[in-house]
Amino acid sequence: MTDAVTPTTDTATADDDTTWQSWCLTTDKAAAVYFSTFVLILIIVGFCCYQLVHKPDCSDQQAYLSVLSMILGVVLPSPVMKQQQQ
């Protein structure tokens, strides 16, 4: 009687593209990218708002307003019109 040995596959292998593993934690790739992007955007928006409040000259505020407008355009999705079925 021979026993057939079948290889087992582990779901958390090094080839898995959905998780990142460090020496201290394992995290979801999408969550890490989302939260790091969110924190970076918050830092930039906070800096721009601070500069807008503390810069008295309007010509100094133009760069910060354009950065805020760009971030708003990137973060908010553009509206899409749905076609009515007839």
PDB file of N, CA and C in Angstrom:
ATOM      1  N   MET A   1       0.839  -1.168   0.000  1.00  0.00           N
ATOM      2  CA  MET A   1       0.000   0.000   0.000  1.00  0.00           C
ATOM      3  C   MET A   1       0.892   1.243   0.000  1.00  0.00           C
ATOM      4  N   THR A   2       0.675   2.112  -0.959  1.00  0.00           N
ATOM      5  CA  THR A   2       1.474   3.324  -1.053  1.00  0.00           C
ATOM      6  C   THR A   2       0.596   4.518  -0.743  1.00  0.00           C
ATOM      7  N   ASP A   3       1.149   5.413  -0.006  1.00  0.00           N
ATOM      8  CA  ASP A   3       0.443   6.651   0.316  1.00  0.00           C
ATOM      9  C   ASP A   3       0.899   7.740  -0.640  1.00  0.00           C
ATOM     10  N   ALA A   4      -0.040   8.349  -1.302  1.00  0.00           N
ATOM     11  CA  ALA A   4       0.290   9.434  -2.221  1.00  0.00           C
ATOM     12  C   ALA A   4       0.372  10.729  -1.423  1.00  0.00           C
ATOM     13  N   VAL A   5       1.435  11.415  -1.596  1.00  0.00           N
ATOM     14  CA  VAL A   5       1.634  12.678  -0.895  1.00  0.00           C
ATOM     15  C   VAL A   5       1.247  13.798  -1.849  1.00  0.00           C
ATOM     16  N   THR A   6       0.276  14.566  -1.443  1.00  0.00           N
ATOM     17  CA  THR A   6      -0.137  15.703  -2.259  1.00  0.00           C
ATOM     18  C   THR A   6       0.400  16.977  -1.637  1.00  0.00           C
ATOM     19  N   PRO A   7       0.948  17.849  -2.449  1.00  0.00           N
ATOM     20  CA  PRO A   7       1.478  19.100  -1.891  1.00  0.00           C
ATOM     21  C   PRO A   7       0.338  20.008  -1.422  1.00  0.00           C
ATOM     22  N   THR A   8       0.547  20.624  -0.300  1.00  0.00           N
ATOM     23  CA  THR A   8      -0.447  21.563   0.215  1.00  0.00           C
ATOM     24  C   THR A   8      -0.015  22.970  -0.146  1.00  0.00           C
ATOM     25  N   THR A   9      -0.975  23.803  -0.386  1.00  0.00           N
ATOM     26  CA  THR A   9      -0.676  25.189  -0.722  1.00  0.00           C
ATOM     27  C   THR A   9      -1.141  26.069   0.422  1.00  0.00           C
ATOM     28  N   ASP A  10      -0.289  26.959   0.808  1.00  0.00           N
ATOM     29  CA  ASP A  10      -0.610  27.913   1.859  1.00  0.00           C
ATOM     30  C   ASP A  10      -1.118  29.194   1.203  1.00  0.00           C
ATOM     31  N   THR A  11      -2.176  29.766   1.743  1.00  0.00           N
ATOM     32  CA  THR A  11      -2.759  30.961   1.123  1.00  0.00           C
ATOM     33  C   THR A  11      -1.912  32.192   1.357  1.00  0.00           C
ATOM     34  N   ALA A  12      -1.076  32.207   2.363  1.00  0.00           N
ATOM     35  CA  ALA A  12      -0.260  33.384   2.666  1.00  0.00           C
ATOM     36  C   ALA A  12       1.184  33.145   2.231  1.00  0.00           C
ATOM     37  N   THR A  13       1.383  32.848   0.984  1.00  0.00           N
ATOM     38  CA  THR A  13       2.731  32.614   0.473  1.00  0.00           C
ATOM     39  C   THR A  13       3.359  33.921   0.037  1.00  0.00           C
ATOM     40  N   ALA A  14       4.605  33.837  -0.353  1.00  0.00           N
ATOM     41  CA  ALA A  14       5.313  35.036  -0.799  1.00  0.00           C
ATOM     42  C   ALA A  14       4.798  35.516  -2.143  1.00  0.00           C
ATOM     43  N   ASP A  15       4.119  34.645  -2.901  1.00  0.00           N
ATOM     44  CA  ASP A  15       3.593  35.035  -4.210  1.00  0.00           C
ATOM     45  C   ASP A  15       2.259  35.763  -4.116  1.00  0.00           C
ATOM     46  N   ASP A  16       1.710  35.875  -2.935  1.00  0.00           N
ATOM     47  CA  ASP A  16       0.406  36.494  -2.749  1.00  0.00           C
ATOM     48  C   ASP A  16       0.534  38.006  -2.925  1.00  0.00           C
ATOM     49  N   ASP A  17      -0.220  38.582  -3.859  1.00  0.00           N
ATOM     50  CA  ASP A  17      -0.134  40.007  -4.148  1.00  0.00           C
ATOM     51  C   ASP A  17      -1.104  40.850  -3.328  1.00  0.00           C
ATOM     52  N   THR A  18      -1.924  40.239  -2.495  1.00  0.00           N
ATOM     53  CA  THR A  18      -2.920  41.017  -1.758  1.00  0.00           C
ATOM     54  C   THR A  18      -2.473  41.359  -0.350  1.00  0.00           C
ATOM     55  N   THR A  19      -1.401  40.770   0.135  1.00  0.00           N
ATOM     56  CA  THR A  19      -0.926  41.085   1.491  1.00  0.00           C
ATOM     57  C   THR A  19       0.546  41.452   1.447  1.00  0.00           C
ATOM     58  N   TRP A  20       0.931  42.329   2.375  1.00  0.00           N
ATOM     59  CA  TRP A  20       2.323  42.688   2.576  1.00  0.00           C
ATOM     60  C   TRP A  20       2.728  42.202   3.950  1.00  0.00           C
ATOM     61  N   GLN A  21       3.880  41.595   4.036  1.00  0.00           N
ATOM     62  CA  GLN A  21       4.328  41.058   5.307  1.00  0.00           C
ATOM     63  C   GLN A  21       5.638  41.720   5.701  1.00  0.00           C
ATOM     64  N   SER A  22       5.686  42.169   6.951  1.00  0.00           N
ATOM     65  CA  SER A  22       6.880  42.766   7.513  1.00  0.00           C
ATOM     66  C   SER A  22       7.328  41.907   8.687  1.00  0.00           C
ATOM     67  N   TRP A  23       8.383  42.294   9.340  1.00  0.00           N
ATOM     68  CA  TRP A  23       8.844  41.505  10.470  1.00  0.00           C
ATOM     69  C   TRP A  23       7.894  41.583  11.651  1.00  0.00           C
ATOM     70  N   CYS A  24       7.068  42.613  11.703  1.00  0.00           N
ATOM     71  CA  CYS A  24       6.186  42.772  12.864  1.00  0.00           C
ATOM     72  C   CYS A  24       4.706  42.657  12.533  1.00  0.00           C
ATOM     73  N   LEU A  25       4.318  42.742  11.280  1.00  0.00           N
ATOM     74  CA  LEU A  25       2.897  42.678  10.958  1.00  0.00           C
ATOM     75  C   LEU A  25       2.669  42.229   9.528  1.00  0.00           C
ATOM     76  N   THR A  26       1.461  41.775   9.289  1.00  0.00           N
ATOM     77  CA  THR A  26       0.992  41.445   7.944  1.00  0.00           C
ATOM     78  C   THR A  26      -0.242  42.291   7.685  1.00  0.00           C
ATOM     79  N   THR A  27      -0.257  42.987   6.561  1.00  0.00           N
ATOM     80  CA  THR A  27      -1.354  43.906   6.280  1.00  0.00           C
ATOM     81  C   THR A  27      -1.841  43.728   4.852  1.00  0.00           C
ATOM     82  N   ASP A  28      -3.045  44.155   4.627  1.00  0.00           N
ATOM     83  CA  ASP A  28      -3.627  44.117   3.295  1.00  0.00           C
ATOM     84  C   ASP A  28      -2.997  45.219   2.449  1.00  0.00           C
ATOM     85  N   LYS A  29      -2.619  44.889   1.237  1.00  0.00           N
ATOM     86  CA  LYS A  29      -1.942  45.841   0.359  1.00  0.00           C
ATOM     87  C   LYS A  29      -2.839  47.032   0.030  1.00  0.00           C
ATOM     88  N   ALA A  30      -4.088  46.767  -0.310  1.00  0.00           N
ATOM     89  CA  ALA A  30      -5.006  47.849  -0.684  1.00  0.00           C
ATOM     90  C   ALA A  30      -5.258  48.793   0.482  1.00  0.00           C
ATOM     91  N   ALA A  31      -5.379  48.251   1.689  1.00  0.00           N
ATOM     92  CA  ALA A  31      -5.613  49.096   2.865  1.00  0.00           C
ATOM     93  C   ALA A  31      -4.395  49.960   3.167  1.00  0.00           C
ATOM     94  N   ALA A  32      -3.205  49.406   3.037  1.00  0.00           N
ATOM     95  CA  ALA A  32      -1.994  50.173   3.296  1.00  0.00           C
ATOM     96  C   ALA A  32      -1.840  51.314   2.296  1.00  0.00           C
ATOM     97  N   VAL A  33      -2.104  51.053   1.032  1.00  0.00           N
ATOM     98  CA  VAL A  33      -2.005  52.097   0.009  1.00  0.00           C
ATOM     99  C   VAL A  33      -3.080  53.167   0.239  1.00  0.00           C
ATOM    100  N   TYR A  34      -4.300  52.748   0.574  1.00  0.00           N
ATOM    101  CA  TYR A  34      -5.390  53.699   0.793  1.00  0.00           C
ATOM    102  C   TYR A  34      -5.091  54.619   1.968  1.00  0.00           C
ATOM    103  N   PHE A  35      -4.695  54.049   3.100  1.00  0.00           N
ATOM    104  CA  PHE A  35      -4.474  54.871   4.284  1.00  0.00           C
ATOM    105  C   PHE A  35      -3.241  55.753   4.154  1.00  0.00           C
ATOM    106  N   SER A  36      -2.192  55.284   3.484  1.00  0.00           N
ATOM    107  CA  SER A  36      -1.029  56.147   3.292  1.00  0.00           C
ATOM    108  C   SER A  36      -1.354  57.299   2.343  1.00  0.00           C
ATOM    109  N   THR A  37      -2.147  57.047   1.305  1.00  0.00           N
ATOM    110  CA  THR A  37      -2.585  58.118   0.410  1.00  0.00           C
ATOM    111  C   THR A  37      -3.475  59.108   1.132  1.00  0.00           C
ATOM    112  N   PHE A  38      -4.377  58.597   1.973  1.00  0.00           N
ATOM    113  CA  PHE A  38      -5.289  59.456   2.727  1.00  0.00           C
ATOM    114  C   PHE A  38      -4.525  60.363   3.689  1.00  0.00           C
ATOM    115  N   VAL A  39      -3.537  59.815   4.383  1.00  0.00           N
ATOM    116  CA  VAL A  39      -2.749  60.610   5.328  1.00  0.00           C
ATOM    117  C   VAL A  39      -1.935  61.665   4.577  1.00  0.00           C
ATOM    118  N   LEU A  40      -1.350  61.307   3.450  1.00  0.00           N
ATOM    119  CA  LEU A  40      -0.584  62.272   2.668  1.00  0.00           C
ATOM    120  C   LEU A  40      -1.469  63.416   2.174  1.00  0.00           C
ATOM    121  N   ILE A  41      -2.664  63.098   1.710  1.00  0.00           N
ATOM    122  CA  ILE A  41      -3.593  64.139   1.257  1.00  0.00           C
ATOM    123  C   ILE A  41      -3.995  65.039   2.411  1.00  0.00           C
ATOM    124  N   LEU A  42      -4.249  64.466   3.595  1.00  0.00           N
ATOM    125  CA  LEU A  42      -4.598  65.277   4.759  1.00  0.00           C
ATOM    126  C   LEU A  42      -3.466  66.218   5.156  1.00  0.00           C
ATOM    127  N   ILE A  43      -2.237  65.747   5.089  1.00  0.00           N
ATOM    128  CA  ILE A  43      -1.098  66.609   5.419  1.00  0.00           C
ATOM    129  C   ILE A  43      -0.994  67.761   4.430  1.00  0.00           C
ATOM    130  N   ILE A  44      -1.146  67.480   3.148  1.00  0.00           N
ATOM    131  CA  ILE A  44      -1.053  68.532   2.128  1.00  0.00           C
ATOM    132  C   ILE A  44      -2.194  69.533   2.267  1.00  0.00           C
ATOM    133  N   VAL A  45      -3.408  69.044   2.492  1.00  0.00           N
ATOM    134  CA  VAL A  45      -4.560  69.952   2.655  1.00  0.00           C
ATOM    135  C   VAL A  45      -4.394  70.799   3.918  1.00  0.00           C
ATOM    136  N   GLY A  46      -3.931  70.203   4.992  1.00  0.00           N
ATOM    137  CA  GLY A  46      -3.696  70.964   6.219  1.00  0.00           C
ATOM    138  C   GLY A  46      -2.644  72.043   6.032  1.00  0.00           C
ATOM    139  N   PHE A  47      -1.558  71.718   5.341  1.00  0.00           N
ATOM    140  CA  PHE A  47      -0.516  72.706   5.074  1.00  0.00           C
ATOM    141  C   PHE A  47      -1.038  73.844   4.203  1.00  0.00           C
ATOM    142  N   CYS A  48      -1.789  73.505   3.166  1.00  0.00           N
ATOM    143  CA  CYS A  48      -2.332  74.545   2.280  1.00  0.00           C
ATOM    144  C   CYS A  48      -3.318  75.444   3.023  1.00  0.00           C
ATOM    145  N   CYS A  49      -4.164  74.863   3.841  1.00  0.00           N
ATOM    146  CA  CYS A  49      -5.120  75.666   4.613  1.00  0.00           C
ATOM    147  C   CYS A  49      -4.395  76.578   5.600  1.00  0.00           C
ATOM    148  N   TYR A  50      -3.361  76.064   6.222  1.00  0.00           N
ATOM    149  CA  TYR A  50      -2.574  76.888   7.146  1.00  0.00           C
ATOM    150  C   TYR A  50      -1.941  78.060   6.409  1.00  0.00           C
ATOM    151  N   GLN A  51      -1.379  77.810   5.248  1.00  0.00           N
ATOM    152  CA  GLN A  51      -0.738  78.869   4.478  1.00  0.00           C
ATOM    153  C   GLN A  51      -1.762  79.881   3.965  1.00  0.00           C
ATOM    154  N   LEU A  52      -2.957  79.432   3.615  1.00  0.00           N
ATOM    155  CA  LEU A  52      -3.986  80.360   3.147  1.00  0.00           C
ATOM    156  C   LEU A  52      -4.436  81.300   4.256  1.00  0.00           C
ATOM    157  N   VAL A  53      -4.481  80.803   5.466  1.00  0.00           N
ATOM    158  CA  VAL A  53      -4.907  81.641   6.596  1.00  0.00           C
ATOM    159  C   VAL A  53      -3.804  82.624   6.983  1.00  0.00           C
ATOM    160  N   HIS A  54      -2.554  82.219   6.907  1.00  0.00           N
ATOM    161  CA  HIS A  54      -1.466  83.043   7.419  1.00  0.00           C
ATOM    162  C   HIS A  54      -0.736  83.859   6.361  1.00  0.00           C
ATOM    163  N   LYS A  55      -1.094  83.753   5.103  1.00  0.00           N
ATOM    164  CA  LYS A  55      -0.473  84.575   4.051  1.00  0.00           C
ATOM    165  C   LYS A  55      -1.397  85.755   3.758  1.00  0.00           C
ATOM    166  N   PRO A  56      -0.939  86.978   4.028  1.00  0.00           N
ATOM    167  CA  PRO A  56      -1.822  88.137   3.810  1.00  0.00           C
ATOM    168  C   PRO A  56      -1.944  88.539   2.340  1.00  0.00           C
ATOM    169  N   ASP A  57      -0.931  88.265   1.544  1.00  0.00           N
ATOM    170  CA  ASP A  57      -0.931  88.709   0.153  1.00  0.00           C
ATOM    171  C   ASP A  57      -1.635  87.685  -0.735  1.00  0.00           C
ATOM    172  N   CYS A  58      -2.474  88.181  -1.611  1.00  0.00           N
ATOM    173  CA  CYS A  58      -3.249  87.301  -2.484  1.00  0.00           C
ATOM    174  C   CYS A  58      -2.367  86.584  -3.499  1.00  0.00           C
ATOM    175  N   SER A  59      -1.282  87.190  -3.920  1.00  0.00           N
ATOM    176  CA  SER A  59      -0.410  86.531  -4.891  1.00  0.00           C
ATOM    177  C   SER A  59       0.317  85.343  -4.265  1.00  0.00           C
ATOM    178  N   ASP A  60       0.526  85.366  -2.954  1.00  0.00           N
ATOM    179  CA  ASP A  60       1.150  84.224  -2.272  1.00  0.00           C
ATOM    180  C   ASP A  60       0.170  83.066  -2.102  1.00  0.00           C
ATOM    181  N   GLN A  61      -1.119  83.355  -2.135  1.00  0.00           N
ATOM    182  CA  GLN A  61      -2.124  82.325  -1.901  1.00  0.00           C
ATOM    183  C   GLN A  61      -2.477  81.529  -3.156  1.00  0.00           C
ATOM    184  N   GLN A  62      -2.080  81.993  -4.318  1.00  0.00           N
ATOM    185  CA  GLN A  62      -2.485  81.351  -5.569  1.00  0.00           C
ATOM    186  C   GLN A  62      -1.981  79.910  -5.676  1.00  0.00           C
ATOM    187  N   ALA A  63      -0.767  79.662  -5.270  1.00  0.00           N
ATOM    188  CA  ALA A  63      -0.210  78.318  -5.380  1.00  0.00           C
ATOM    189  C   ALA A  63      -0.973  77.342  -4.472  1.00  0.00           C
ATOM    190  N   TYR A  64      -1.315  77.790  -3.278  1.00  0.00           N
ATOM    191  CA  TYR A  64      -2.008  76.911  -2.330  1.00  0.00           C
ATOM    192  C   TYR A  64      -3.452  76.645  -2.759  1.00  0.00           C
ATOM    193  N   LEU A  65      -4.097  77.642  -3.355  1.00  0.00           N
ATOM    194  CA  LEU A  65      -5.445  77.420  -3.874  1.00  0.00           C
ATOM    195  C   LEU A  65      -5.433  76.449  -5.057  1.00  0.00           C
ATOM    196  N   SER A  66      -4.419  76.547  -5.898  1.00  0.00           N
ATOM    197  CA  SER A  66      -4.361  75.629  -7.040  1.00  0.00           C
ATOM    198  C   SER A  66      -4.059  74.202  -6.583  1.00  0.00           C
ATOM    199  N   VAL A  67      -3.245  74.031  -5.557  1.00  0.00           N
ATOM    200  CA  VAL A  67      -2.986  72.688  -5.028  1.00  0.00           C
ATOM    201  C   VAL A  67      -4.255  72.101  -4.420  1.00  0.00           C
ATOM    202  N   LEU A  68      -5.004  72.917  -3.669  1.00  0.00           N
ATOM    203  CA  LEU A  68      -6.274  72.448  -3.100  1.00  0.00           C
ATOM    204  C   LEU A  68      -7.271  72.085  -4.195  1.00  0.00           C
ATOM    205  N   SER A  69      -7.331  72.882  -5.250  1.00  0.00           N
ATOM    206  CA  SER A  69      -8.239  72.577  -6.364  1.00  0.00           C
ATOM    207  C   SER A  69      -7.833  71.294  -7.074  1.00  0.00           C
ATOM    208  N   MET A  70      -6.537  71.072  -7.241  1.00  0.00           N
ATOM    209  CA  MET A  70      -6.071  69.852  -7.884  1.00  0.00           C
ATOM    210  C   MET A  70      -6.411  68.623  -7.039  1.00  0.00           C
ATOM    211  N   ILE A  71      -6.204  68.719  -5.733  1.00  0.00           N
ATOM    212  CA  ILE A  71      -6.523  67.593  -4.857  1.00  0.00           C
ATOM    213  C   ILE A  71      -8.018  67.325  -4.864  1.00  0.00           C
ATOM    214  N   LEU A  72      -8.812  68.358  -4.862  1.00  0.00           N
ATOM    215  CA  LEU A  72     -10.262  68.194  -4.934  1.00  0.00           C
ATOM    216  C   LEU A  72     -10.672  67.510  -6.234  1.00  0.00           C
ATOM    217  N   GLY A  73     -10.041  67.872  -7.338  1.00  0.00           N
ATOM    218  CA  GLY A  73     -10.343  67.240  -8.615  1.00  0.00           C
ATOM    219  C   GLY A  73      -9.900  65.789  -8.688  1.00  0.00           C
ATOM    220  N   VAL A  74      -8.838  65.448  -7.985  1.00  0.00           N
ATOM    221  CA  VAL A  74      -8.348  64.070  -7.995  1.00  0.00           C
ATOM    222  C   VAL A  74      -9.189  63.192  -7.070  1.00  0.00           C
ATOM    223  N   VAL A  75      -9.557  63.723  -5.920  1.00  0.00           N
ATOM    224  CA  VAL A  75     -10.254  62.926  -4.909  1.00  0.00           C
ATOM    225  C   VAL A  75     -11.723  62.705  -5.268  1.00  0.00           C
ATOM    226  N   LEU A  76     -12.395  63.740  -5.725  1.00  0.00           N
ATOM    227  CA  LEU A  76     -13.815  63.608  -6.053  1.00  0.00           C
ATOM    228  C   LEU A  76     -13.971  62.966  -7.428  1.00  0.00           C
ATOM    229  N   PRO A  77     -14.832  61.967  -7.535  1.00  0.00           N
ATOM    230  CA  PRO A  77     -15.034  61.345  -8.851  1.00  0.00           C
ATOM    231  C   PRO A  77     -15.849  62.259  -9.761  1.00  0.00           C
ATOM    232  N   SER A  78     -15.605  62.141 -11.038  1.00  0.00           N
ATOM    233  CA  SER A  78     -16.366  62.944 -11.986  1.00  0.00           C
ATOM    234  C   SER A  78     -17.739  62.311 -12.191  1.00  0.00           C
ATOM    235  N   PRO A  79     -18.765  63.137 -12.371  1.00  0.00           N
ATOM    236  CA  PRO A  79     -20.110  62.587 -12.566  1.00  0.00           C
ATOM    237  C   PRO A  79     -20.250  61.908 -13.920  1.00  0.00           C
ATOM    238  N   VAL A  80     -21.043  60.853 -13.945  1.00  0.00           N
ATOM    239  CA  VAL A  80     -21.280  60.094 -15.173  1.00  0.00           C
ATOM    240  C   VAL A  80     -22.779  60.042 -15.410  1.00  0.00           C
ATOM    241  N   MET A  81     -23.204  60.416 -16.611  1.00  0.00           N
ATOM    242  CA  MET A  81     -24.633  60.364 -16.932  1.00  0.00           C
ATOM    243  C   MET A  81     -25.014  58.961 -17.352  1.00  0.00           C
ATOM    244  N   LYS A  82     -26.099  58.473 -16.824  1.00  0.00           N
ATOM    245  CA  LYS A  82     -26.586  57.149 -17.182  1.00  0.00           C
ATOM    246  C   LYS A  82     -27.551  57.267 -18.356  1.00  0.00           C
ATOM    247  N   GLN A  83     -27.453  56.343 -19.279  1.00  0.00           N
ATOM    248  CA  GLN A  83     -28.352  56.356 -20.416  1.00  0.00           C
ATOM    249  C   GLN A  83     -29.639  55.627 -20.042  1.00  0.00           C
ATOM    250  N   GLN A  84     -30.743  56.206 -20.472  1.00  0.00           N
ATOM    251  CA  GLN A  84     -32.034  55.579 -20.206  1.00  0.00           C
ATOM    252  C   GLN A  84     -32.289  54.503 -21.254  1.00  0.00           C
ATOM    253  N   GLN A  85     -32.771  53.366 -20.794  1.00  0.00           N
ATOM    254  CA  GLN A  85     -33.083  52.305 -21.732  1.00  0.00           C
ATOM    255  C   GLN A  85     -34.496  52.518 -22.279  1.00  0.00           C
ATOM    256  N   GLN A  86     -34.629  52.332 -23.577  1.00  0.00           N
ATOM    257  CA  GLN A  86     -35.942  52.554 -24.194  1.00  0.00           C
ATOM    258  C   GLN A  86     -36.505  51.264 -24.701  1.00  0.00           C
TER     259      GLN A  86
END
